[in-house]
C-alpha atoms as a PDB file:
ATOM      1  CA  MET A   1     103.771  79.168  69.574  1.00  0.00           C
ATOM      2  CA  ASP A   2     100.801  80.771  71.327  1.00  0.00           C
ATOM      3  CA  ILE A   3     101.193  81.081  74.821  1.00  0.00           C
ATOM      4  CA  ARG A   4      97.486  80.714  75.945  1.00  0.00           C
ATOM      5  CA  ASN A   5      97.788  77.082  74.124  1.00  0.00           C
ATOM      6  CA  LEU A   6     100.655  76.587  76.800  1.00  0.00           C
ATOM      7  CA  GLU A   7      97.728  77.649  79.604  1.00  0.00           C
ATOM      8  CA  ALA A   8      95.414  75.680  78.181  1.00  0.00           C
ATOM      9  CA  PHE A   9      97.828  72.996  78.362  1.00  0.00           C
ATOM     10  CA  ILE A  10      99.054  73.266  82.464  1.00  0.00           C
ATOM     11  CA  VAL A  11      95.333  73.838  83.517  1.00  0.00           C
ATOM     12  CA  LEU A  12      94.315  70.296  81.310  1.00  0.00           C
ATOM     13  CA  ALA A  13      97.243  68.664  83.016  1.00  0.00           C
ATOM     14  CA  GLU A  14      96.732  69.953  86.885  1.00  0.00           C
ATOM     15  CA  THR A  15      92.502  68.891  86.284  1.00  0.00           C
ATOM     16  CA  LEU A  16      92.989  65.914  83.783  1.00  0.00           C
ATOM     17  CA  ASN A  17      89.560  67.040  82.948  1.00  0.00           C
ATOM     18  CA  TYR A  18      88.546  68.763  79.674  1.00  0.00           C
ATOM     19  CA  HIS A  19      84.932  69.854  81.676  1.00  0.00           C
ATOM     20  CA  LYS A  20      86.625  71.346  84.433  1.00  0.00           C
ATOM     21  CA  ALA A  21      89.672  72.336  82.850  1.00  0.00           C
ATOM     22  CA  SER A  22      87.025  74.458  80.286  1.00  0.00           C
ATOM     23  CA  LYS A  23      85.587  76.286  82.971  1.00  0.00           C
ATOM     24  CA  ARG A  24      88.452  77.480  84.214  1.00  0.00           C
ATOM     25  CA  LEU A  25      89.931  78.801  81.073  1.00  0.00           C
ATOM     26  CA  TYR A  26      85.969  80.089  79.739  1.00  0.00           C
ATOM     27  CA  LEU A  27      86.590  77.437  76.667  1.00  0.00           C
ATOM     28  CA  SER A  28      84.493  75.268  75.015  1.00  0.00           C
ATOM     29  CA  GLN A  29      85.623  71.751  75.445  1.00  0.00           C
ATOM     30  CA  PRO A  30      85.859  71.529  71.245  1.00  0.00           C
ATOM     31  CA  ALA A  31      87.825  74.695  71.538  1.00  0.00           C
ATOM     32  CA  LEU A  32      90.315  73.202  74.192  1.00  0.00           C
ATOM     33  CA  SER A  33      90.607  70.391  72.935  1.00  0.00           C
ATOM     34  CA  LYS A  34      91.308  72.600  69.035  1.00  0.00           C
ATOM     35  CA  LYS A  35      94.538  74.186  71.254  1.00  0.00           C
ATOM     36  CA  ILE A  36      95.205  71.203  72.810  1.00  0.00           C
ATOM     37  CA  HIS A  37      95.877  69.495  69.261  1.00  0.00           C
ATOM     38  CA  VAL A  38      97.523  72.495  67.801  1.00  0.00           C
ATOM     39  CA  LEU A  39      99.948  72.511  70.873  1.00  0.00           C
ATOM     40  CA  GLU A  40     100.731  67.899  69.918  1.00  0.00           C
ATOM     41  CA  ASP A  41     101.352  69.159  66.103  1.00  0.00           C
ATOM     42  CA  ILE A  42     103.785  71.922  66.788  1.00  0.00           C
ATOM     43  CA  LEU A  43     105.572  69.509  69.348  1.00  0.00           C
ATOM     44  CA  GLY A  44     104.909  66.385  67.180  1.00  0.00           C
ATOM     45  CA  ALA A  45     103.871  64.114  69.944  1.00  0.00           C
ATOM     46  CA  LEU A  46     101.075  63.414  72.488  1.00  0.00           C
ATOM     47  CA  LEU A  47     100.534  65.320  75.433  1.00  0.00           C
ATOM     48  CA  PHE A  48      97.506  63.163  76.602  1.00  0.00           C
ATOM     49  CA  THR A  49      95.842  59.835  76.258  1.00  0.00           C
ATOM     50  CA  ARG A  50      91.826  59.672  76.574  1.00  0.00           C
ATOM     51  CA  GLY A  51      90.868  55.998  78.028  1.00  0.00           C
ATOM     52  CA  PRO A  52      88.312  53.997  79.878  1.00  0.00           C
ATOM     53  CA  ASN A  53      89.933  55.790  83.540  1.00  0.00           C
ATOM     54  CA  GLY A  54      90.051  59.441  82.035  1.00  0.00           C
ATOM     55  CA  THR A  55      92.638  61.614  80.357  1.00  0.00           C
ATOM     56  CA  ARG A  56      95.772  61.141  81.371  1.00  0.00           C
ATOM     57  CA  LEU A  57      99.579  62.741  80.617  1.00  0.00           C
ATOM     58  CA  THR A  58     101.996  60.861  78.323  1.00  0.00           C
ATOM     59  CA  ASP A  59     105.599  60.907  79.545  1.00  0.00           C
ATOM     60  CA  PHE A  60     106.437  63.136  77.219  1.00  0.00           C
ATOM     61  CA  GLY A  61     103.149  65.150  78.622  1.00  0.00           C
ATOM     62  CA  GLN A  62     104.571  65.044  82.276  1.00  0.00           C
ATOM     63  CA  LYS A  63     108.013  66.310  81.048  1.00  0.00           C
ATOM     64  CA  THR A  64     106.894  69.139  78.862  1.00  0.00           C
ATOM     65  CA  LEU A  65     103.921  69.729  81.943  1.00  0.00           C
ATOM     66  CA  GLU A  66     107.372  70.471  83.922  1.00  0.00           C
ATOM     67  CA  ASN A  67     109.183  73.333  80.697  1.00  0.00           C
ATOM     68  CA  ALA A  68     105.759  74.674  80.436  1.00  0.00           C
ATOM     69  CA  ARG A  69     105.973  75.539  84.178  1.00  0.00           C
ATOM     70  CA  LYS A  70     109.245  77.133  84.083  1.00  0.00           C
ATOM     71  CA  PHE A  71     108.460  78.945  81.030  1.00  0.00           C
ATOM     72  CA  LEU A  72     105.344  80.505  81.716  1.00  0.00           C
ATOM     73  CA  THR A  73     106.947  81.748  85.385  1.00  0.00           C
ATOM     74  CA  HIS A  74     110.101  83.386  83.102  1.00  0.00           C
ATOM     75  CA  TYR A  75     107.235  84.946  81.024  1.00  0.00           C
ATOM     76  CA  GLU A  76     105.570  86.348  83.699  1.00  0.00           C
ATOM     77  CA  LYS A  77     108.163  87.689  84.324  1.00  0.00           C
ATOM     78  CA  PHE A  78     109.557  89.278  81.302  1.00  0.00           C
ATOM     79  CA  LYS A  79     105.617  90.804  81.363  1.00  0.00           C
ATOM     80  CA  SER A  80     106.282  92.229  84.050  1.00  0.00           C
ATOM     81  CA  GLN A  81     110.051  93.556  83.612  1.00  0.00           C
ATOM     82  CA  VAL A  82     108.243  95.130  80.261  1.00  0.00           C
ATOM     83  CA  ASP A  83     105.346  96.646  82.268  1.00  0.00           C
ATOM     84  CA  PHE A  84     107.596  98.144  84.762  1.00  0.00           C
ATOM     85  CA  ASP A  85     110.113  99.744  81.965  1.00  0.00           C
ATOM     86  CA  SER A  86     107.327 101.297  80.079  1.00  0.00           C
ATOM     87  CA  LYS A  87     106.168 103.169  82.996  1.00  0.00           C
ATOM     88  CA  GLU A  88     109.482 103.960  83.552  1.00  0.00           C
ATOM     89  CA  ASP A  89     109.172 105.598  80.126  1.00  0.00           C
ATOM     90  CA  MET A  90     106.313 107.777  81.076  1.00  0.00           C
ATOM     91  CA  VAL A  91     106.034 110.558  82.970  1.00  0.00           C
ATOM     92  CA  ARG A  92     105.440 109.426  86.476  1.00  0.00           C
ATOM     93  CA  HIS A  93     103.661 112.245  89.314  1.00  0.00           C
ATOM     94  CA  LEU A  94     105.023 112.261  92.712  1.00  0.00           C
ATOM     95  CA  TYR A  95     102.571 113.727  94.829  1.00  0.00           C
ATOM     96  CA  VAL A  96     104.110 115.744  97.815  1.00  0.00           C
ATOM     97  CA  GLY A  97     102.499 117.415 100.489  1.00  0.00           C
ATOM     98  CA  SER A  98     104.262 120.139 102.834  1.00  0.00           C
ATOM     99  CA  CYS A  99     103.445 122.543 105.297  1.00  0.00           C
ATOM    100  CA  PHE A 100     105.835 124.823 103.816  1.00  0.00           C
ATOM    101  CA  PRO A 101     103.598 126.757 101.706  1.00  0.00           C
ATOM    102  CA  ILE A 102     106.413 128.146  99.743  1.00  0.00           C
ATOM    103  CA  HIS A 103     109.291 126.189  99.454  1.00  0.00           C
ATOM    104  CA  ASN A 104     111.920 125.580  97.262  1.00  0.00           C
ATOM    105  CA  TYR A 105     110.486 122.459  95.138  1.00  0.00           C
ATOM    106  CA  ALA A 106     111.788 124.418  91.553  1.00  0.00           C
ATOM    107  CA  GLN A 107     115.369 123.363  92.528  1.00  0.00           C
ATOM    108  CA  ILE A 108     114.809 119.913  93.493  1.00  0.00           C
ATOM    109  CA  GLU A 109     112.445 119.434  90.625  1.00  0.00           C
ATOM    110  CA  LYS A 110     115.405 120.810  88.558  1.00  0.00           C
ATOM    111  CA  GLN A 111     117.776 118.240  90.029  1.00  0.00           C
ATOM    112  CA  PHE A 112     115.021 115.797  89.558  1.00  0.00           C
ATOM    113  CA  VAL A 113     114.550 116.288  85.690  1.00  0.00           C
ATOM    114  CA  GLU A 114     118.614 116.294  85.270  1.00  0.00           C
ATOM    115  CA  LYS A 115     118.643 113.267  86.761  1.00  0.00           C
ATOM    116  CA  LYS A 116     115.438 111.490  85.321  1.00  0.00           C
ATOM    117  CA  GLY A 117     113.169 113.712  82.934  1.00  0.00           C
ATOM    118  CA  ASN A 118     110.191 111.781  83.176  1.00  0.00           C
ATOM    119  CA  VAL A 119     109.733 112.552  87.042  1.00  0.00           C
ATOM    120  CA  VAL A 120     107.225 115.992  88.064  1.00  0.00           C
ATOM    121  CA  LEU A 121     106.825 116.972  91.230  1.00  0.00           C
ATOM    122  CA  ALA A 122     102.802 117.944  92.245  1.00  0.00           C
ATOM    123  CA  LEU A 123     103.243 120.272  94.798  1.00  0.00           C
ATOM    124  CA  VAL A 124     100.176 120.343  96.925  1.00  0.00           C
ATOM    125  CA  THR A 125     100.388 123.159  99.974  1.00  0.00           C
ATOM    126  CA  GLY A 126      97.975 124.547 102.555  1.00  0.00           C
ATOM    127  CA  LEU A 127      96.926 121.062 104.375  1.00  0.00           C
ATOM    128  CA  SER A 128      96.997 120.646 107.652  1.00  0.00           C
ATOM    129  CA  VAL A 129      99.434 117.759 109.313  1.00  0.00           C
ATOM    130  CA  ASP A 130      96.158 115.655 109.740  1.00  0.00           C
ATOM    131  CA  GLN A 131      94.932 116.536 106.378  1.00  0.00           C
ATOM    132  CA  GLN A 132      98.361 115.075 104.694  1.00  0.00           C
ATOM    133  CA  ILE A 133      98.247 111.823 107.000  1.00  0.00           C
ATOM    134  CA  SER A 134      94.973 111.278 105.740  1.00  0.00           C
ATOM    135  CA  LEU A 135      96.339 112.288 102.088  1.00  0.00           C
ATOM    136  CA  LEU A 136      99.103 109.736 102.964  1.00  0.00           C
ATOM    137  CA  ASN A 137      96.940 107.055 104.287  1.00  0.00           C
ATOM    138  CA  ALA A 138      94.161 107.161 101.386  1.00  0.00           C
ATOM    139  CA  GLY A 139      97.596 106.848  98.941  1.00  0.00           C
ATOM    140  CA  MET A 140      96.606 110.704  97.376  1.00  0.00           C
ATOM    141  CA  LEU A 141      99.754 111.532  98.524  1.00  0.00           C
ATOM    142  CA  HIS A 142     103.143 109.954  98.091  1.00  0.00           C
ATOM    143  CA  VAL A 143     105.196 111.972 100.422  1.00  0.00           C
ATOM    144  CA  ALA A 144     104.632 114.794 102.723  1.00  0.00           C
ATOM    145  CA  VAL A 145     107.555 117.173 104.888  1.00  0.00           C
ATOM    146  CA  MET A 146     106.071 117.718 108.543  1.00  0.00           C
ATOM    147  CA  PRO A 147     107.353 119.460 111.996  1.00  0.00           C
ATOM    148  CA  LEU A 148     108.041 116.700 113.520  1.00  0.00           C
ATOM    149  CA  LEU A 149     106.692 117.100 116.780  1.00  0.00           C
ATOM    150  CA  SER A 150     103.262 116.790 115.156  1.00  0.00           C
ATOM    151  CA  ILE A 151     103.852 113.633 113.341  1.00  0.00           C
ATOM    152  CA  MET A 152     105.812 111.970 116.782  1.00  0.00           C
ATOM    153  CA  ASP A 153     104.338 108.326 117.761  1.00  0.00           C
ATOM    154  CA  ARG A 154     101.726 108.301 114.064  1.00  0.00           C
ATOM    155  CA  LEU A 155     104.637 108.085 111.187  1.00  0.00           C
ATOM    156  CA  GLU A 156     107.709 106.750 110.934  1.00  0.00           C
ATOM    157  CA  PRO A 157     109.908 109.400 108.591  1.00  0.00           C
ATOM    158  CA  GLN A 158     112.288 108.397 106.491  1.00  0.00           C
ATOM    159  CA  LYS A 159     114.199 111.605 106.845  1.00  0.00           C
ATOM    160  CA  VAL A 160     114.640 114.152 109.695  1.00  0.00           C
ATOM    161  CA  PHE A 161     115.930 117.590 108.899  1.00  0.00           C
ATOM    162  CA  THR A 162     116.448 121.051 110.819  1.00  0.00           C
ATOM    163  CA  GLU A 163     115.158 124.597 109.950  1.00  0.00           C
ATOM    164  CA  ARG A 164     116.290 127.617 110.870  1.00  0.00           C
ATOM    165  CA  LEU A 165     113.429 130.079 111.760  1.00  0.00           C
ATOM    166  CA  VAL A 166     113.852 134.328 110.978  1.00  0.00           C
ATOM    167  CA  TYR A 167     111.414 137.389 111.868  1.00  0.00           C
ATOM    168  CA  ILE A 168     110.592 139.264 108.829  1.00  0.00           C
ATOM    169  CA  PHE A 169     109.585 143.073 109.608  1.00  0.00           C
ATOM    170  CA  LYS A 170     109.505 146.270 107.779  1.00  0.00           C
ATOM    171  CA  LYS A 171     112.713 148.203 107.407  1.00  0.00           C
ATOM    172  CA  ARG A 172     113.094 150.572 109.895  1.00  0.00           C
ATOM    173  CA  SER A 173     110.222 149.637 112.038  1.00  0.00           C
ATOM    174  CA  HIS A 174     110.861 151.039 115.515  1.00  0.00           C
ATOM    175  CA  LEU A 175     109.939 146.716 116.650  1.00  0.00           C
ATOM    176  CA  ILE A 176     113.123 146.002 115.163  1.00  0.00           C
ATOM    177  CA  SER A 177     115.469 147.761 118.034  1.00  0.00           C
ATOM    178  CA  LYS A 178     112.827 146.323 120.351  1.00  0.00           C
ATOM    179  CA  PHE A 179     113.446 142.712 119.143  1.00  0.00           C
ATOM    180  CA  ARG A 180     116.898 143.142 118.955  1.00  0.00           C
ATOM    181  CA  THR A 181     117.045 144.418 122.486  1.00  0.00           C
ATOM    182  CA  ALA A 182     114.690 141.563 123.746  1.00  0.00           C
ATOM    183  CA  LEU A 183     117.078 138.800 121.817  1.00  0.00           C
ATOM    184  CA  GLY A 184     120.551 140.598 123.685  1.00  0.00           C
ATOM    185  CA  LYS A 185     118.368 140.343 127.257  1.00  0.00           C
ATOM    186  CA  PHE A 186     116.331 136.905 126.913  1.00  0.00           C
ATOM    187  CA  GLY A 187     117.894 134.512 124.070  1.00  0.00           C
ATOM    188  CA  ASN A 188     116.277 133.338 121.348  1.00  0.00           C
ATOM    189  CA  GLY A 189     113.875 131.723 123.579  1.00  0.00           C
ATOM    190  CA  VAL A 190     112.006 135.212 124.140  1.00  0.00           C
ATOM    191  CA  SER A 191     108.674 135.609 123.329  1.00  0.00           C
ATOM    192  CA  PRO A 192     106.111 137.922 124.793  1.00  0.00           C
ATOM    193  CA  THR A 193     104.999 138.367 128.449  1.00  0.00           C
ATOM    194  CA  ASN A 194     101.543 138.048 127.929  1.00  0.00           C
ATOM    195  CA  PHE A 195     102.635 134.577 125.818  1.00  0.00           C
ATOM    196  CA  SER A 196     103.343 131.027 127.940  1.00  0.00           C
ATOM    197  CA  ARG A 197     106.111 128.796 126.314  1.00  0.00           C
ATOM    198  CA  LYS A 198     104.009 126.085 125.534  1.00  0.00           C
ATOM    199  CA  LYS A 199     102.456 128.356 123.748  1.00  0.00           C
ATOM    200  CA  GLU A 200     105.382 129.747 121.625  1.00  0.00           C
ATOM    201  CA  VAL A 201     106.002 126.275 121.303  1.00  0.00           C
ATOM    202  CA  ILE A 202     102.440 125.179 119.390  1.00  0.00           C
ATOM    203  CA  GLU A 203     102.725 128.711 117.439  1.00  0.00           C
ATOM    204  CA  LEU A 204     106.494 127.293 115.818  1.00  0.00           C
ATOM    205  CA  THR A 205     104.903 123.975 115.144  1.00  0.00           C
ATOM    206  CA  ASP A 206     101.806 125.615 112.753  1.00  0.00           C
ATOM    207  CA  CYS A 207     103.777 127.796 111.452  1.00  0.00           C
ATOM    208  CA  PHE A 208     104.647 125.310 109.107  1.00  0.00           C
ATOM    209  CA  ASN A 209     100.822 125.069 108.024  1.00  0.00           C
ATOM    210  CA  VAL A 210     100.063 128.978 107.921  1.00  0.00           C
ATOM    211  CA  PHE A 211     102.647 131.724 109.276  1.00  0.00           C
ATOM    212  CA  PRO A 212     101.072 133.873 112.230  1.00  0.00           C
ATOM    213  CA  ILE A 213     101.068 137.629 111.711  1.00  0.00           C
ATOM    214  CA  TYR A 214     101.517 139.721 114.584  1.00  0.00           C
ATOM    215  CA  THR A 215     101.213 143.766 114.698  1.00  0.00           C
ATOM    216  CA  GLY A 216     101.964 146.594 117.517  1.00  0.00           C
ATOM    217  CA  ASP A 217     103.857 145.878 120.427  1.00  0.00           C
ATOM    218  CA  ASN A 218     101.725 143.970 121.909  1.00  0.00           C
ATOM    219  CA  MET A 219     101.823 141.420 119.286  1.00  0.00           C
ATOM    220  CA  LYS A 220      98.542 140.872 118.510  1.00  0.00           C
ATOM    221  CA  LEU A 221      97.789 138.504 116.165  1.00  0.00           C
ATOM    222  CA  LEU A 222      96.867 140.147 112.691  1.00  0.00           C
ATOM    223  CA  LEU A 223      95.926 136.957 110.792  1.00  0.00           C
ATOM    224  CA  LYS A 224      97.446 133.463 109.581  1.00  0.00           C
ATOM    225  CA  THR A 225      98.256 132.662 106.020  1.00  0.00           C
ATOM    226  CA  ASN A 226     100.453 130.734 103.875  1.00  0.00           C
ATOM    227  CA  ASP A 227     100.871 133.332 100.858  1.00  0.00           C
ATOM    228  CA  ILE A 228     104.036 134.355 101.003  1.00  0.00           C
ATOM    229  CA  MET A 229     103.598 137.718  98.683  1.00  0.00           C
ATOM    230  CA  LEU A 230      99.786 138.682 101.259  1.00  0.00           C
ATOM    231  CA  ILE A 231     102.704 138.228 104.299  1.00  0.00           C
ATOM    232  CA  ILE A 232     104.661 140.911 102.618  1.00  0.00           C
ATOM    233  CA  GLU A 233     101.815 143.126 101.694  1.00  0.00           C
ATOM    234  CA  MET A 234     100.972 143.154 105.311  1.00  0.00           C
ATOM    235  CA  ILE A 235     104.424 143.962 106.957  1.00  0.00           C
ATOM    236  CA  THR A 236     104.761 146.488 104.751  1.00  0.00           C
ATOM    237  CA  LYS A 237     101.230 148.436 105.391  1.00  0.00           C
ATOM    238  CA  ASN A 238     101.362 147.664 108.749  1.00  0.00           C
ATOM    239  CA  SER A 239     103.230 147.616 111.886  1.00  0.00           C
ATOM    240  CA  ALA A 240     103.507 144.046 111.525  1.00  0.00           C
ATOM    241  CA  TYR A 241     105.794 141.103 111.608  1.00  0.00           C
ATOM    242  CA  THR A 242     106.208 137.235 111.267  1.00  0.00           C
ATOM    243  CA  CYS A 243     108.294 134.265 111.360  1.00  0.00           C
ATOM    244  CA  VAL A 244     108.696 131.788 108.945  1.00  0.00           C
ATOM    245  CA  PRO A 245     111.578 129.074 107.788  1.00  0.00           C
ATOM    246  CA  LYS A 246     114.655 130.987 106.443  1.00  0.00           C
ATOM    247  CA  ARG A 247     114.557 128.709 103.041  1.00  0.00           C
ATOM    248  CA  ILE A 248     110.798 130.347 102.317  1.00  0.00           C
ATOM    249  CA  ILE A 249     113.069 134.099 101.817  1.00  0.00           C
ATOM    250  CA  SER A 250     114.442 132.633  98.675  1.00  0.00           C
ATOM    251  CA  SER A 251     111.185 132.562  97.147  1.00  0.00           C
ATOM    252  CA  ILE A 252     110.582 136.353  98.060  1.00  0.00           C
ATOM    253  CA  PRO A 253     110.737 138.704  95.710  1.00  0.00           C
ATOM    254  CA  GLU A 254     114.150 140.592  95.024  1.00  0.00           C
ATOM    255  CA  TYR A 255     112.178 144.011  94.179  1.00  0.00           C
ATOM    256  CA  TYR A 256     110.298 143.206  98.078  1.00  0.00           C
ATOM    257  CA  MET A 257     113.614 142.706  99.922  1.00  0.00           C
ATOM    258  CA  ASN A 258     114.649 146.205 100.057  1.00  0.00           C
ATOM    259  CA  SER A 259     111.221 147.013 101.906  1.00  0.00           C
ATOM    260  CA  LEU A 260     112.469 144.259 104.501  1.00  0.00           C
ATOM    261  CA  GLU A 261     114.610 143.885 107.155  1.00  0.00           C
ATOM    262  CA  LEU A 262     115.657 139.827 108.441  1.00  0.00           C
ATOM    263  CA  VAL A 263     115.974 138.863 111.902  1.00  0.00           C
ATOM    264  CA  GLU A 264     117.824 135.713 112.191  1.00  0.00           C
ATOM    265  CA  THR A 265     117.810 133.671 115.360  1.00  0.00           C
ATOM    266  CA  ASP A 266     118.924 130.561 116.580  1.00  0.00           C
ATOM    267  CA  LYS A 267     115.040 128.711 116.464  1.00  0.00           C
ATOM    268  CA  LYS A 268     114.598 125.804 114.603  1.00  0.00           C
ATOM    269  CA  ILE A 269     111.928 122.824 114.277  1.00  0.00           C
ATOM    270  CA  GLU A 270     112.805 119.275 113.493  1.00  0.00           C
ATOM    271  CA  LEU A 271     110.804 118.188 109.774  1.00  0.00           C
ATOM    272  CA  GLY A 272     110.406 114.665 108.981  1.00  0.00           C
ATOM    273  CA  VAL A 273     110.116 113.353 105.821  1.00  0.00           C
ATOM    274  CA  VAL A 274     107.048 110.829 105.718  1.00  0.00           C
ATOM    275  CA  TRP A 275     106.107 108.041 103.091  1.00  0.00           C
ATOM    276  CA  ALA A 276     103.122 106.786 101.894  1.00  0.00           C
ATOM    277  CA  LYS A 277     102.400 103.299 103.378  1.00  0.00           C
ATOM    278  CA  ALA A 278     101.521 101.741  99.856  1.00  0.00           C
ATOM    279  CA  MET A 279     103.743 103.479  97.034  1.00  0.00           C
ATOM    280  CA  GLY A 280     104.431 101.572  93.283  1.00  0.00           C
ATOM    281  CA  ASP A 281     107.576 100.529  93.268  1.00  0.00           C
ATOM    282  CA  HIS A 282     108.154 102.739  90.583  1.00  0.00           C
ATOM    283  CA  LEU A 283     107.863 105.593  93.076  1.00  0.00           C
ATOM    284  CA  ILE A 284     109.754 104.170  95.748  1.00  0.00           C
ATOM    285  CA  GLU A 285     112.989 105.423  93.892  1.00  0.00           C
ATOM    286  CA  ASP A 286     111.586 108.844  93.348  1.00  0.00           C
ATOM    287  CA  ALA A 287     110.682 109.118  97.194  1.00  0.00           C
ATOM    288  CA  GLU A 288     113.671 107.918  98.028  1.00  0.00           C
ATOM    289  CA  ASN A 289     116.052 111.304  95.530  1.00  0.00           C
ATOM    290  CA  PHE A 290     113.014 113.873  96.487  1.00  0.00           C
ATOM    291  CA  SER A 291     113.620 112.868 100.765  1.00  0.00           C
ATOM    292  CA  ALA A 292     117.536 113.182  99.852  1.00  0.00           C
ATOM    293  CA  LEU A 293     116.695 116.217  97.998  1.00  0.00           C
ATOM    294  CA  VAL A 294     114.757 117.998 100.012  1.00  0.00           C
ATOM    295  CA  SER A 295     116.689 118.067 103.545  1.00  0.00           C
ATOM    296  CA  ASN A 296     119.642 119.023 101.964  1.00  0.00           C
ATOM    297  CA  VAL A 297     118.282 122.185  99.705  1.00  0.00           C
END
């Protein structure tokens, strides 16, 4: 049985007018009549009668109409499920934005592949918070990880987690002892006297877009970058240091770690995992999995 014949039957039954039904179906009236006759031949009974009072459904036609509607509802659900299942079998891309220029997404992607081999994490980094929010609203990003302070009253995070910050110095730098002394005296809230506390909070928030690299005893800003290899080069070749998320350390090649010294503090920043407002059903489970993984890795 041709599904299109059933659809034509339902439209004609709703309009009881061959001219109107033909226009809705983009068919000629002879073509519509042929579809109805073919269906009647298959079912073995008349569906309509035509007379002076116009086109009317037979009793059999009325019962068939109810069943046809139920059948097509199930058929549409079946098509939707087939379409969904076919997408599930295709490689899907989950577009992820992050204020982490370097993040251990390789580990997360590995876990995705082990669980669902058809999901690819497409990572977009180096964008500001405002740029990522714009891309989320436009549906060009599915998920993003951003400082909670930057998205308060703007987006509702699906997950919130805390990131510890560490300082990186050149090994045996004279700045290390001064920094440790300052930590011991003032605690982890230490900031140079020429910087206000408000400025420090801003720097801690901004460091997830680009990491500030300072040089000299006066903490002069040398540059901001999200290139971890450039950070290492600036630290090892200059009297410089920076503050980065602790998990980024795992992205530094082991060879370079011999030239660096890390100073851990209790400085932390809260991060939020946010989703695009509109996202296909087939990606929601992927977004949920990512959100759970990124907050635990």
